[in-house]
mmCIF file of all heavy atoms, coordinates in Angstrom:
data_MODEL
# 
_entry.id   MODEL 
# 
loop_
_atom_site.group_PDB 
_atom_site.id 
_atom_site.type_symbol 
_atom_site.label_atom_id 
_atom_site.label_alt_id 
_atom_site.label_comp_id 
_atom_site.label_asym_id 
_atom_site.label_entity_id 
_atom_site.label_seq_id 
_atom_site.pdbx_PDB_ins_code 
_atom_site.Cartn_x 
_atom_site.Cartn_y 
_atom_site.Cartn_z 
_atom_site.occupancy 
_atom_site.B_iso_or_equiv 
_atom_site.pdbx_formal_charge 
_atom_site.auth_seq_id 
_atom_site.auth_comp_id 
_atom_site.auth_asym_id 
_atom_site.auth_atom_id 
_atom_site.pdbx_PDB_model_num 
ATOM 1   N N   . ARG A 1 1  ? 33.285 -9.396  -36.876 1.00 0.00 ? 1  ARG A N   1 
ATOM 2   C CA  . ARG A 1 1  ? 32.729 -10.440 -36.017 1.00 0.00 ? 1  ARG A CA  1 
ATOM 3   C C   . ARG A 1 1  ? 31.998 -11.483 -36.855 1.00 0.00 ? 1  ARG A C   1 
ATOM 4   O O   . ARG A 1 1  ? 31.069 -11.176 -37.594 1.00 0.00 ? 1  ARG A O   1 
ATOM 5   C CB  . ARG A 1 1  ? 31.794 -9.825  -34.979 1.00 0.00 ? 1  ARG A CB  1 
ATOM 6   C CG  . ARG A 1 1  ? 32.590 -9.024  -33.950 1.00 0.00 ? 1  ARG A CG  1 
ATOM 7   C CD  . ARG A 1 1  ? 31.754 -8.689  -32.733 1.00 0.00 ? 1  ARG A CD  1 
ATOM 8   N NE  . ARG A 1 1  ? 32.587 -7.958  -31.782 1.00 0.00 ? 1  ARG A NE  1 
ATOM 9   C CZ  . ARG A 1 1  ? 32.416 -6.676  -31.486 1.00 0.00 ? 1  ARG A CZ  1 
ATOM 10  N NH1 . ARG A 1 1  ? 31.437 -6.002  -32.034 1.00 0.00 ? 1  ARG A NH1 1 
ATOM 11  N NH2 . ARG A 1 1  ? 33.212 -6.081  -30.625 1.00 0.00 ? 1  ARG A NH2 1 
ATOM 12  N N   . SER A 1 2  ? 32.439 -12.713 -36.707 1.00 0.00 ? 2  SER A N   1 
ATOM 13  C CA  . SER A 1 2  ? 31.899 -13.813 -37.509 1.00 0.00 ? 2  SER A CA  1 
ATOM 14  C C   . SER A 1 2  ? 32.221 -15.109 -36.793 1.00 0.00 ? 2  SER A C   1 
ATOM 15  O O   . SER A 1 2  ? 32.722 -15.101 -35.662 1.00 0.00 ? 2  SER A O   1 
ATOM 16  C CB  . SER A 1 2  ? 32.536 -13.810 -38.904 1.00 0.00 ? 2  SER A CB  1 
ATOM 17  O OG  . SER A 1 2  ? 33.920 -14.115 -38.802 1.00 0.00 ? 2  SER A OG  1 
ATOM 18  N N   . LEU A 1 3  ? 31.953 -16.230 -37.446 1.00 0.00 ? 3  LEU A N   1 
ATOM 19  C CA  . LEU A 1 3  ? 32.247 -17.526 -36.840 1.00 0.00 ? 3  LEU A CA  1 
ATOM 20  C C   . LEU A 1 3  ? 33.746 -17.735 -36.652 1.00 0.00 ? 3  LEU A C   1 
ATOM 21  O O   . LEU A 1 3  ? 34.157 -18.631 -35.942 1.00 0.00 ? 3  LEU A O   1 
ATOM 22  C CB  . LEU A 1 3  ? 31.675 -18.658 -37.691 1.00 0.00 ? 3  LEU A CB  1 
ATOM 23  C CG  . LEU A 1 3  ? 30.165 -18.831 -37.628 1.00 0.00 ? 3  LEU A CG  1 
ATOM 24  C CD1 . LEU A 1 3  ? 29.732 -19.965 -38.555 1.00 0.00 ? 3  LEU A CD1 1 
ATOM 25  C CD2 . LEU A 1 3  ? 29.711 -19.146 -36.209 1.00 0.00 ? 3  LEU A CD2 1 
ATOM 26  N N   . ASN A 1 4  ? 34.564 -16.917 -37.311 1.00 0.00 ? 4  ASN A N   1 
ATOM 27  C CA  . ASN A 1 4  ? 36.011 -17.074 -37.193 1.00 0.00 ? 4  ASN A CA  1 
ATOM 28  C C   . ASN A 1 4  ? 36.642 -16.024 -36.289 1.00 0.00 ? 4  ASN A C   1 
ATOM 29  O O   . ASN A 1 4  ? 37.843 -15.809 -36.313 1.00 0.00 ? 4  ASN A O   1 
ATOM 30  C CB  . ASN A 1 4  ? 36.658 -17.002 -38.580 1.00 0.00 ? 4  ASN A CB  1 
ATOM 31  C CG  . ASN A 1 4  ? 36.207 -18.152 -39.447 1.00 0.00 ? 4  ASN A CG  1 
ATOM 32  O OD1 . ASN A 1 4  ? 36.143 -19.282 -38.989 1.00 0.00 ? 4  ASN A OD1 1 
ATOM 33  N ND2 . ASN A 1 4  ? 35.864 -17.870 -40.688 1.00 0.00 ? 4  ASN A ND2 1 
ATOM 34  N N   . SER A 1 5  ? 35.832 -15.341 -35.494 1.00 0.00 ? 5  SER A N   1 
ATOM 35  C CA  . SER A 1 5  ? 36.366 -14.296 -34.628 1.00 0.00 ? 5  SER A CA  1 
ATOM 36  C C   . SER A 1 5  ? 35.876 -14.504 -33.210 1.00 0.00 ? 5  SER A C   1 
ATOM 37  O O   . SER A 1 5  ? 34.990 -15.313 -32.946 1.00 0.00 ? 5  SER A O   1 
ATOM 38  C CB  . SER A 1 5  ? 35.922 -12.920 -35.127 1.00 0.00 ? 5  SER A CB  1 
ATOM 39  O OG  . SER A 1 5  ? 34.547 -12.718 -34.862 1.00 0.00 ? 5  SER A OG  1 
ATOM 40  N N   . ASP A 1 6  ? 36.463 -13.751 -32.290 1.00 0.00 ? 6  ASP A N   1 
ATOM 41  C CA  . ASP A 1 6  ? 35.942 -13.694 -30.926 1.00 0.00 ? 6  ASP A CA  1 
ATOM 42  C C   . ASP A 1 6  ? 34.913 -12.575 -30.894 1.00 0.00 ? 6  ASP A C   1 
ATOM 43  O O   . ASP A 1 6  ? 35.256 -11.405 -31.043 1.00 0.00 ? 6  ASP A O   1 
ATOM 44  C CB  . ASP A 1 6  ? 37.058 -13.407 -29.931 1.00 0.00 ? 6  ASP A CB  1 
ATOM 45  C CG  . ASP A 1 6  ? 37.977 -14.595 -29.756 1.00 0.00 ? 6  ASP A CG  1 
ATOM 46  O OD1 . ASP A 1 6  ? 37.454 -15.699 -29.583 1.00 0.00 ? 6  ASP A OD1 1 
ATOM 47  O OD2 . ASP A 1 6  ? 39.204 -14.415 -29.795 1.00 0.00 ? 6  ASP A OD2 1 
ATOM 48  N N   . ILE A 1 7  ? 33.646 -12.925 -30.709 1.00 0.00 ? 7  ILE A N   1 
ATOM 49  C CA  . ILE A 1 7  ? 32.598 -11.908 -30.779 1.00 0.00 ? 7  ILE A CA  1 
ATOM 50  C C   . ILE A 1 7  ? 32.332 -11.284 -29.424 1.00 0.00 ? 7  ILE A C   1 
ATOM 51  O O   . ILE A 1 7  ? 31.525 -10.369 -29.306 1.00 0.00 ? 7  ILE A O   1 
ATOM 52  C CB  . ILE A 1 7  ? 31.289 -12.514 -31.324 1.00 0.00 ? 7  ILE A CB  1 
ATOM 53  C CG1 . ILE A 1 7  ? 30.778 -13.610 -30.390 1.00 0.00 ? 7  ILE A CG1 1 
ATOM 54  C CG2 . ILE A 1 7  ? 31.486 -13.039 -32.722 1.00 0.00 ? 7  ILE A CG2 1 
ATOM 55  C CD1 . ILE A 1 7  ? 29.432 -14.190 -30.823 1.00 0.00 ? 7  ILE A CD1 1 
ATOM 56  N N   . SER A 1 8  ? 33.013 -11.774 -28.394 1.00 0.00 ? 8  SER A N   1 
ATOM 57  C CA  . SER A 1 8  ? 32.828 -11.215 -27.062 1.00 0.00 ? 8  SER A CA  1 
ATOM 58  C C   . SER A 1 8  ? 33.069 -9.709  -27.094 1.00 0.00 ? 8  SER A C   1 
ATOM 59  O O   . SER A 1 8  ? 34.100 -9.240  -27.549 1.00 0.00 ? 8  SER A O   1 
ATOM 60  C CB  . SER A 1 8  ? 33.792 -11.890 -26.088 1.00 0.00 ? 8  SER A CB  1 
ATOM 61  O OG  . SER A 1 8  ? 33.694 -11.302 -24.826 1.00 0.00 ? 8  SER A OG  1 
ATOM 62  N N   . TYR A 1 9  ? 32.124 -8.946  -26.589 1.00 0.00 ? 9  TYR A N   1 
ATOM 63  C CA  . TYR A 1 9  ? 32.165 -7.489  -26.725 1.00 0.00 ? 9  TYR A CA  1 
ATOM 64  C C   . TYR A 1 9  ? 32.613 -6.814  -25.436 1.00 0.00 ? 9  TYR A C   1 
ATOM 65  O O   . TYR A 1 9  ? 33.549 -6.033  -25.433 1.00 0.00 ? 9  TYR A O   1 
ATOM 66  C CB  . TYR A 1 9  ? 30.784 -6.979  -27.129 1.00 0.00 ? 9  TYR A CB  1 
ATOM 67  C CG  . TYR A 1 9  ? 30.732 -5.500  -27.416 1.00 0.00 ? 9  TYR A CG  1 
ATOM 68  C CD1 . TYR A 1 9  ? 31.267 -4.980  -28.586 1.00 0.00 ? 9  TYR A CD1 1 
ATOM 69  C CD2 . TYR A 1 9  ? 30.150 -4.622  -26.512 1.00 0.00 ? 9  TYR A CD2 1 
ATOM 70  C CE1 . TYR A 1 9  ? 31.222 -3.625  -28.858 1.00 0.00 ? 9  TYR A CE1 1 
ATOM 71  C CE2 . TYR A 1 9  ? 30.102 -3.266  -26.768 1.00 0.00 ? 9  TYR A CE2 1 
ATOM 72  C CZ  . TYR A 1 9  ? 30.640 -2.767  -27.940 1.00 0.00 ? 9  TYR A CZ  1 
ATOM 73  O OH  . TYR A 1 9  ? 30.586 -1.430  -28.194 1.00 0.00 ? 9  TYR A OH  1 
ATOM 74  N N   . PHE A 1 10 ? 31.952 -7.141  -24.337 1.00 0.00 ? 10 PHE A N   1 
ATOM 75  C CA  . PHE A 1 10 ? 32.264 -6.459  -23.090 1.00 0.00 ? 10 PHE A CA  1 
ATOM 76  C C   . PHE A 1 10 ? 33.375 -7.137  -22.312 1.00 0.00 ? 10 PHE A C   1 
ATOM 77  O O   . PHE A 1 10 ? 33.991 -6.526  -21.456 1.00 0.00 ? 10 PHE A O   1 
ATOM 78  C CB  . PHE A 1 10 ? 31.020 -6.381  -22.196 1.00 0.00 ? 10 PHE A CB  1 
ATOM 79  C CG  . PHE A 1 10 ? 29.968 -5.463  -22.738 1.00 0.00 ? 10 PHE A CG  1 
ATOM 80  C CD1 . PHE A 1 10 ? 28.760 -5.961  -23.166 1.00 0.00 ? 10 PHE A CD1 1 
ATOM 81  C CD2 . PHE A 1 10 ? 30.188 -4.099  -22.826 1.00 0.00 ? 10 PHE A CD2 1 
ATOM 82  C CE1 . PHE A 1 10 ? 27.787 -5.119  -23.659 1.00 0.00 ? 10 PHE A CE1 1 
ATOM 83  C CE2 . PHE A 1 10 ? 29.219 -3.252  -23.315 1.00 0.00 ? 10 PHE A CE2 1 
ATOM 84  C CZ  . PHE A 1 10 ? 28.014 -3.760  -23.737 1.00 0.00 ? 10 PHE A CZ  1 
ATOM 85  N N   . GLY A 1 11 ? 33.602 -8.411  -22.562 1.00 0.00 ? 11 GLY A N   1 
ATOM 86  C CA  . GLY A 1 11 ? 34.656 -9.106  -21.850 1.00 0.00 ? 11 GLY A CA  1 
ATOM 87  C C   . GLY A 1 11 ? 34.322 -9.441  -20.410 1.00 0.00 ? 11 GLY A C   1 
ATOM 88  O O   . GLY A 1 11 ? 35.209 -9.710  -19.618 1.00 0.00 ? 11 GLY A O   1 
ATOM 89  N N   . VAL A 1 12 ? 33.038 -9.418  -20.055 1.00 0.00 ? 12 VAL A N   1 
ATOM 90  C CA  . VAL A 1 12 ? 32.685 -9.711  -18.663 1.00 0.00 ? 12 VAL A CA  1 
ATOM 91  C C   . VAL A 1 12 ? 32.489 -11.199 -18.439 1.00 0.00 ? 12 VAL A C   1 
ATOM 92  O O   . VAL A 1 12 ? 32.345 -11.635 -17.309 1.00 0.00 ? 12 VAL A O   1 
ATOM 93  C CB  . VAL A 1 12 ? 31.405 -8.955  -18.236 1.00 0.00 ? 12 VAL A CB  1 
ATOM 94  C CG1 . VAL A 1 12 ? 31.635 -7.475  -18.301 1.00 0.00 ? 12 VAL A CG1 1 
ATOM 95  C CG2 . VAL A 1 12 ? 30.224 -9.347  -19.097 1.00 0.00 ? 12 VAL A CG2 1 
ATOM 96  N N   . GLY A 1 13 ? 32.481 -11.984 -19.508 1.00 0.00 ? 13 GLY A N   1 
ATOM 97  C CA  . GLY A 1 13 ? 32.454 -13.424 -19.346 1.00 0.00 ? 13 GLY A CA  1 
ATOM 98  C C   . GLY A 1 13 ? 31.069 -14.028 -19.280 1.00 0.00 ? 13 GLY A C   1 
ATOM 99  O O   . GLY A 1 13 ? 30.059 -13.359 -19.075 1.00 0.00 ? 13 GLY A O   1 
ATOM 100 N N   . GLY A 1 14 ? 31.045 -15.361 -19.457 1.00 0.00 ? 14 GLY A N   1 
ATOM 101 C CA  . GLY A 1 14 ? 29.788 -16.076 -19.506 1.00 0.00 ? 14 GLY A CA  1 
ATOM 102 C C   . GLY A 1 14 ? 28.995 -16.022 -18.219 1.00 0.00 ? 14 GLY A C   1 
ATOM 103 O O   . GLY A 1 14 ? 27.770 -16.014 -18.237 1.00 0.00 ? 14 GLY A O   1 
ATOM 104 N N   . LYS A 1 15 ? 29.685 -15.985 -17.068 1.00 0.00 ? 15 LYS A N   1 
ATOM 105 C CA  . LYS A 1 15 ? 28.953 -15.981 -15.795 1.00 0.00 ? 15 LYS A CA  1 
ATOM 106 C C   . LYS A 1 15 ? 28.139 -14.710 -15.636 1.00 0.00 ? 15 LYS A C   1 
ATOM 107 O O   . LYS A 1 15 ? 26.978 -14.737 -15.240 1.00 0.00 ? 15 LYS A O   1 
ATOM 108 C CB  . LYS A 1 15 ? 29.953 -16.140 -14.646 1.00 0.00 ? 15 LYS A CB  1 
ATOM 109 C CG  . LYS A 1 15 ? 30.665 -17.477 -14.643 1.00 0.00 ? 15 LYS A CG  1 
ATOM 110 C CD  . LYS A 1 15 ? 31.773 -17.512 -13.619 1.00 0.00 ? 15 LYS A CD  1 
ATOM 111 C CE  . LYS A 1 15 ? 32.931 -16.619 -13.989 1.00 0.00 ? 15 LYS A CE  1 
ATOM 112 N NZ  . LYS A 1 15 ? 33.613 -17.008 -15.222 1.00 0.00 ? 15 LYS A NZ  1 
ATOM 113 N N   . GLN A 1 16 ? 28.770 -13.566 -15.953 1.00 0.00 ? 16 GLN A N   1 
ATOM 114 C CA  . GLN A 1 16 ? 28.035 -12.310 -15.847 1.00 0.00 ? 16 GLN A CA  1 
ATOM 115 C C   . GLN A 1 16 ? 26.900 -12.260 -16.860 1.00 0.00 ? 16 GLN A C   1 
ATOM 116 O O   . GLN A 1 16 ? 25.830 -11.723 -16.586 1.00 0.00 ? 16 GLN A O   1 
ATOM 117 C CB  . GLN A 1 16 ? 28.985 -11.117 -16.041 1.00 0.00 ? 16 GLN A CB  1 
ATOM 118 C CG  . GLN A 1 16 ? 29.877 -10.833 -14.847 1.00 0.00 ? 16 GLN A CG  1 
ATOM 119 C CD  . GLN A 1 16 ? 30.991 -11.851 -14.693 1.00 0.00 ? 16 GLN A CD  1 
ATOM 120 O OE1 . GLN A 1 16 ? 31.443 -12.435 -15.660 1.00 0.00 ? 16 GLN A OE1 1 
ATOM 121 N NE2 . GLN A 1 16 ? 31.423 -12.069 -13.467 1.00 0.00 ? 16 GLN A NE2 1 
ATOM 122 N N   . ALA A 1 17 ? 27.135 -12.824 -18.046 1.00 0.00 ? 17 ALA A N   1 
ATOM 123 C CA  . ALA A 1 17 ? 26.083 -12.868 -19.057 1.00 0.00 ? 17 ALA A CA  1 
ATOM 124 C C   . ALA A 1 17 ? 24.902 -13.699 -18.562 1.00 0.00 ? 17 ALA A C   1 
ATOM 125 O O   . ALA A 1 17 ? 23.740 -13.317 -18.736 1.00 0.00 ? 17 ALA A O   1 
ATOM 126 C CB  . ALA A 1 17 ? 26.631 -13.444 -20.360 1.00 0.00 ? 17 ALA A CB  1 
ATOM 127 N N   . VAL A 1 18 ? 25.201 -14.828 -17.945 1.00 0.00 ? 18 VAL A N   1 
ATOM 128 C CA  . VAL A 1 18 ? 24.140 -15.699 -17.428 1.00 0.00 ? 18 VAL A CA  1 
ATOM 129 C C   . VAL A 1 18 ? 23.284 -14.964 -16.412 1.00 0.00 ? 18 VAL A C   1 
ATOM 130 O O   . VAL A 1 18 ? 22.048 -14.987 -16.483 1.00 0.00 ? 18 VAL A O   1 
ATOM 131 C CB  . VAL A 1 18 ? 24.760 -16.969 -16.792 1.00 0.00 ? 18 VAL A CB  1 
ATOM 132 C CG1 . VAL A 1 18 ? 23.740 -17.663 -15.894 1.00 0.00 ? 18 VAL A CG1 1 
ATOM 133 C CG2 . VAL A 1 18 ? 25.234 -17.920 -17.878 1.00 0.00 ? 18 VAL A CG2 1 
ATOM 134 N N   . PHE A 1 19 ? 23.937 -14.291 -15.469 1.00 0.00 ? 19 PHE A N   1 
ATOM 135 C CA  . PHE A 1 19 ? 23.166 -13.653 -14.403 1.00 0.00 ? 19 PHE A CA  1 
ATOM 136 C C   . PHE A 1 19 ? 22.544 -12.331 -14.842 1.00 0.00 ? 19 PHE A C   1 
ATOM 137 O O   . PHE A 1 19 ? 21.711 -11.780 -14.138 1.00 0.00 ? 19 PHE A O   1 
ATOM 138 C CB  . PHE A 1 19 ? 24.039 -13.466 -13.160 1.00 0.00 ? 19 PHE A CB  1 
ATOM 139 C CG  . PHE A 1 19 ? 24.315 -14.764 -12.443 1.00 0.00 ? 19 PHE A CG  1 
ATOM 140 C CD1 . PHE A 1 19 ? 25.580 -15.313 -12.405 1.00 0.00 ? 19 PHE A CD1 1 
ATOM 141 C CD2 . PHE A 1 19 ? 23.271 -15.454 -11.828 1.00 0.00 ? 19 PHE A CD2 1 
ATOM 142 C CE1 . PHE A 1 19 ? 25.816 -16.519 -11.754 1.00 0.00 ? 19 PHE A CE1 1 
ATOM 143 C CE2 . PHE A 1 19 ? 23.506 -16.651 -11.178 1.00 0.00 ? 19 PHE A CE2 1 
ATOM 144 C CZ  . PHE A 1 19 ? 24.775 -17.189 -11.139 1.00 0.00 ? 19 PHE A CZ  1 
ATOM 145 N N   . PHE A 1 20 ? 22.950 -11.820 -15.998 1.00 0.00 ? 20 PHE A N   1 
ATOM 146 C CA  . PHE A 1 20 ? 22.229 -10.684 -16.572 1.00 0.00 ? 20 PHE A CA  1 
ATOM 147 C C   . PHE A 1 20 ? 20.927 -11.161 -17.194 1.00 0.00 ? 20 PHE A C   1 
ATOM 148 O O   . PHE A 1 20 ? 19.894 -10.503 -17.098 1.00 0.00 ? 20 PHE A O   1 
ATOM 149 C CB  . PHE A 1 20 ? 23.088 -9.988  -17.632 1.00 0.00 ? 20 PHE A CB  1 
ATOM 150 C CG  . PHE A 1 20 ? 22.385 -8.835  -18.292 1.00 0.00 ? 20 PHE A CG  1 
ATOM 151 C CD1 . PHE A 1 20 ? 22.291 -7.611  -17.645 1.00 0.00 ? 20 PHE A CD1 1 
ATOM 152 C CD2 . PHE A 1 20 ? 21.808 -8.966  -19.545 1.00 0.00 ? 20 PHE A CD2 1 
ATOM 153 C CE1 . PHE A 1 20 ? 21.635 -6.545  -18.239 1.00 0.00 ? 20 PHE A CE1 1 
ATOM 154 C CE2 . PHE A 1 20 ? 21.158 -7.912  -20.146 1.00 0.00 ? 20 PHE A CE2 1 
ATOM 155 C CZ  . PHE A 1 20 ? 21.065 -6.699  -19.491 1.00 0.00 ? 20 PHE A CZ  1 
ATOM 156 N N   . VAL A 1 21 ? 20.964 -12.354 -17.817 1.00 0.00 ? 21 VAL A N   1 
ATOM 157 C CA  . VAL A 1 21 ? 19.783 -12.902 -18.481 1.00 0.00 ? 21 VAL A CA  1 
ATOM 158 C C   . VAL A 1 21 ? 18.848 -13.561 -17.477 1.00 0.00 ? 21 VAL A C   1 
ATOM 159 O O   . VAL A 1 21 ? 17.619 -13.440 -17.583 1.00 0.00 ? 21 VAL A O   1 
ATOM 160 C CB  . VAL A 1 21 ? 20.202 -13.925 -19.561 1.00 0.00 ? 21 VAL A CB  1 
ATOM 161 C CG1 . VAL A 1 21 ? 18.992 -14.604 -20.173 1.00 0.00 ? 21 VAL A CG1 1 
ATOM 162 C CG2 . VAL A 1 21 ? 21.025 -13.238 -20.640 1.00 0.00 ? 21 VAL A CG2 1 
ATOM 163 N N   . GLY A 1 22 ? 19.386 -14.294 -16.505 1.00 0.00 ? 22 GLY A N   1 
ATOM 164 C CA  . GLY A 1 22 ? 18.543 -15.069 -15.606 1.00 0.00 ? 22 GLY A CA  1 
ATOM 165 C C   . GLY A 1 22 ? 19.117 -15.179 -14.216 1.00 0.00 ? 22 GLY A C   1 
ATOM 166 O O   . GLY A 1 22 ? 19.958 -14.388 -13.797 1.00 0.00 ? 22 GLY A O   1 
ATOM 167 N N   . GLN A 1 23 ? 18.677 -16.206 -13.499 1.00 0.00 ? 23 GLN A N   1 
ATOM 168 C CA  . GLN A 1 23 ? 19.017 -16.363 -12.086 1.00 0.00 ? 23 GLN A CA  1 
ATOM 169 C C   . GLN A 1 23 ? 19.930 -17.550 -11.794 1.00 0.00 ? 23 GLN A C   1 
ATOM 170 O O   . GLN A 1 23 ? 20.362 -17.725 -10.665 1.00 0.00 ? 23 GLN A O   1 
ATOM 171 C CB  . GLN A 1 23 ? 17.723 -16.525 -11.266 1.00 0.00 ? 23 GLN A CB  1 
ATOM 172 C CG  . GLN A 1 23 ? 16.739 -15.380 -11.420 1.00 0.00 ? 23 GLN A CG  1 
ATOM 173 C CD  . GLN A 1 23 ? 17.294 -14.073 -10.891 1.00 0.00 ? 23 GLN A CD  1 
ATOM 174 O OE1 . GLN A 1 23 ? 17.802 -14.009 -9.784  1.00 0.00 ? 23 GLN A OE1 1 
ATOM 175 N NE2 . GLN A 1 23 ? 17.213 -13.022 -11.701 1.00 0.00 ? 23 GLN A NE2 1 
ATOM 176 N N   . SER A 1 24 ? 20.200 -18.370 -12.790 1.00 0.00 ? 24 SER A N   1 
ATOM 177 C CA  . SER A 1 24 ? 21.042 -19.536 -12.541 1.00 0.00 ? 24 SER A CA  1 
ATOM 178 C C   . SER A 1 24 ? 21.686 -20.002 -13.842 1.00 0.00 ? 24 SER A C   1 
ATOM 179 O O   . SER A 1 24 ? 21.238 -19.663 -14.939 1.00 0.00 ? 24 SER A O   1 
ATOM 180 C CB  . SER A 1 24 ? 20.233 -20.686 -11.921 1.00 0.00 ? 24 SER A CB  1 
ATOM 181 O OG  . SER A 1 24 ? 19.256 -21.145 -12.829 1.00 0.00 ? 24 SER A OG  1 
ATOM 182 N N   . ALA A 1 25 ? 22.757 -20.769 -13.700 1.00 0.00 ? 25 ALA A N   1 
ATOM 183 C CA  . ALA A 1 25 ? 23.459 -21.350 -14.840 1.00 0.00 ? 25 ALA A CA  1 
ATOM 184 C C   . ALA A 1 25 ? 23.621 -22.838 -14.609 1.00 0.00 ? 25 ALA A C   1 
ATOM 185 O O   . ALA A 1 25 ? 23.944 -23.275 -13.506 1.00 0.00 ? 25 ALA A O   1 
ATOM 186 C CB  . ALA A 1 25 ? 24.831 -20.699 -15.016 1.00 0.00 ? 25 ALA A CB  1 
ATOM 187 N N   . ARG A 1 26 ? 23.385 -23.620 -15.658 1.00 0.00 ? 26 ARG A N   1 
ATOM 188 C CA  . ARG A 1 26 ? 23.583 -25.073 -15.588 1.00 0.00 ? 26 ARG A CA  1 
ATOM 189 C C   . ARG A 1 26 ? 24.438 -25.476 -16.781 1.00 0.00 ? 26 ARG A C   1 
ATOM 190 O O   . ARG A 1 26 ? 24.023 -25.342 -17.924 1.00 0.00 ? 26 ARG A O   1 
ATOM 191 C CB  . ARG A 1 26 ? 22.238 -25.796 -15.624 1.00 0.00 ? 26 ARG A CB  1 
ATOM 192 C CG  . ARG A 1 26 ? 22.345 -27.316 -15.557 1.00 0.00 ? 26 ARG A CG  1 
ATOM 193 C CD  . ARG A 1 26 ? 20.972 -27.954 -15.388 1.00 0.00 ? 26 ARG A CD  1 
ATOM 194 N NE  . ARG A 1 26 ? 21.029 -29.399 -15.384 1.00 0.00 ? 26 ARG A NE  1 
ATOM 195 C CZ  . ARG A 1 26 ? 20.417 -30.171 -16.285 1.00 0.00 ? 26 ARG A CZ  1 
ATOM 196 N NH1 . ARG A 1 26 ? 19.686 -29.622 -17.236 1.00 0.00 ? 26 ARG A NH1 1 
ATOM 197 N NH2 . ARG A 1 26 ? 20.524 -31.474 -16.230 1.00 0.00 ? 26 ARG A NH2 1 
ATOM 198 N N   . MET A 1 27 ? 25.654 -25.934 -16.483 1.00 0.00 ? 27 MET A N   1 
ATOM 199 C CA  . MET A 1 27 ? 26.598 -26.340 -17.523 1.00 0.00 ? 27 MET A CA  1 
ATOM 200 C C   . MET A 1 27 ? 26.678 -27.865 -17.521 1.00 0.00 ? 27 MET A C   1 
ATOM 201 O O   . MET A 1 27 ? 26.995 -28.475 -16.487 1.00 0.00 ? 27 MET A O   1 
ATOM 202 C CB  . MET A 1 27 ? 27.980 -25.765 -17.242 1.00 0.00 ? 27 MET A CB  1 
ATOM 203 C CG  . MET A 1 27 ? 28.040 -24.251 -17.200 1.00 0.00 ? 27 MET A CG  1 
ATOM 204 S SD  . MET A 1 27 ? 28.231 -23.526 -18.821 1.00 0.00 ? 27 MET A SD  1 
ATOM 205 C CE  . MET A 1 27 ? 29.914 -23.988 -19.191 1.00 0.00 ? 27 MET A CE  1 
ATOM 206 N N   . VAL A 1 28 ? 26.373 -28.476 -18.653 1.00 0.00 ? 28 VAL A N   1 
ATOM 207 C CA  . VAL A 1 28 ? 26.483 -29.923 -18.809 1.00 0.00 ? 28 VAL A CA  1 
ATOM 208 C C   . VAL A 1 28 ? 27.475 -30.184 -19.934 1.00 0.00 ? 28 VAL A C   1 
ATOM 209 O O   . VAL A 1 28 ? 27.317 -29.661 -21.039 1.00 0.00 ? 28 VAL A O   1 
ATOM 210 C CB  . VAL A 1 28 ? 25.118 -30.559 -19.146 1.00 0.00 ? 28 VAL A CB  1 
ATOM 211 C CG1 . VAL A 1 28 ? 25.258 -32.071 -19.253 1.00 0.00 ? 28 VAL A CG1 1 
ATOM 212 C CG2 . VAL A 1 28 ? 24.084 -30.194 -18.093 1.00 0.00 ? 28 VAL A CG2 1 
# 
C-alpha cells in the first residue's frame, strides 16, 4: 500500500467511511 496502490481495505466506500467518522458529508 502506497501512493501507487489502492489502499482501500474494507471496500465499503467513502460514504460509509464518512458516516463512520461523522454525521454528514460535503463534497465540493
